[in-house]
Amino acid sequence: MSQKAVTNSTCLIGLERIDRLDLLPQVFEVVFAPPTVAMEVQRKLNWLRVQSVKNKSVIATLKTQMDEGEAETIALAMELDDIILILDDKKARRVAQQIGLKVIGTVGMLLRAKTQGVIPEIRPLLIALLQVDFRISNAIVQEALRLAGEGNLT
């Protein structure tokens, strides 16, 4: 299982809203983000490795289907070996999976944190994310709770 990740801003912003940015560097040894994502977050994170994408034409191609941050995130993941891509946007996830990248979302990262013993349960974090208007479908919440062995959100 990869210990490196590339993240888009959605995960970072969601975790920042619930004051749990500390989770990412505990779950992954190295967390990368492209410059556009780092600028969107507007906060200096000493554990976040900001790295530019070498192949700008890949970004240009991807930008025809998604926003710049997602395009840069996918392009950076393509340039790195053995990486997990943290993306929440459905369309961007589909494109990344078609390219053959390993993709999880913010909820998948929380499940990984529980599996690794970083957090005891995901339920309080899912509730906190929902309370700060982080968009997660009810189906994803229920499936995550099921996978975590935490029943239903009621």
Foldseek 3Di string as FASTA:
>chain_A
DAQEEEEALLLVQLCVLLVNNVLNVVLHVAYEFEPVRVVVNVDDDPRYHYDFQPDVVQLVVCCVFHPNRLSRSLSVQVVDPRYEYEDDDPRSVVVSVVVPHHYDYSLVSLLSCCVVVVDVDCLVSVVSSVVVVSDDDLVRQQVSCVSRVNHHDD
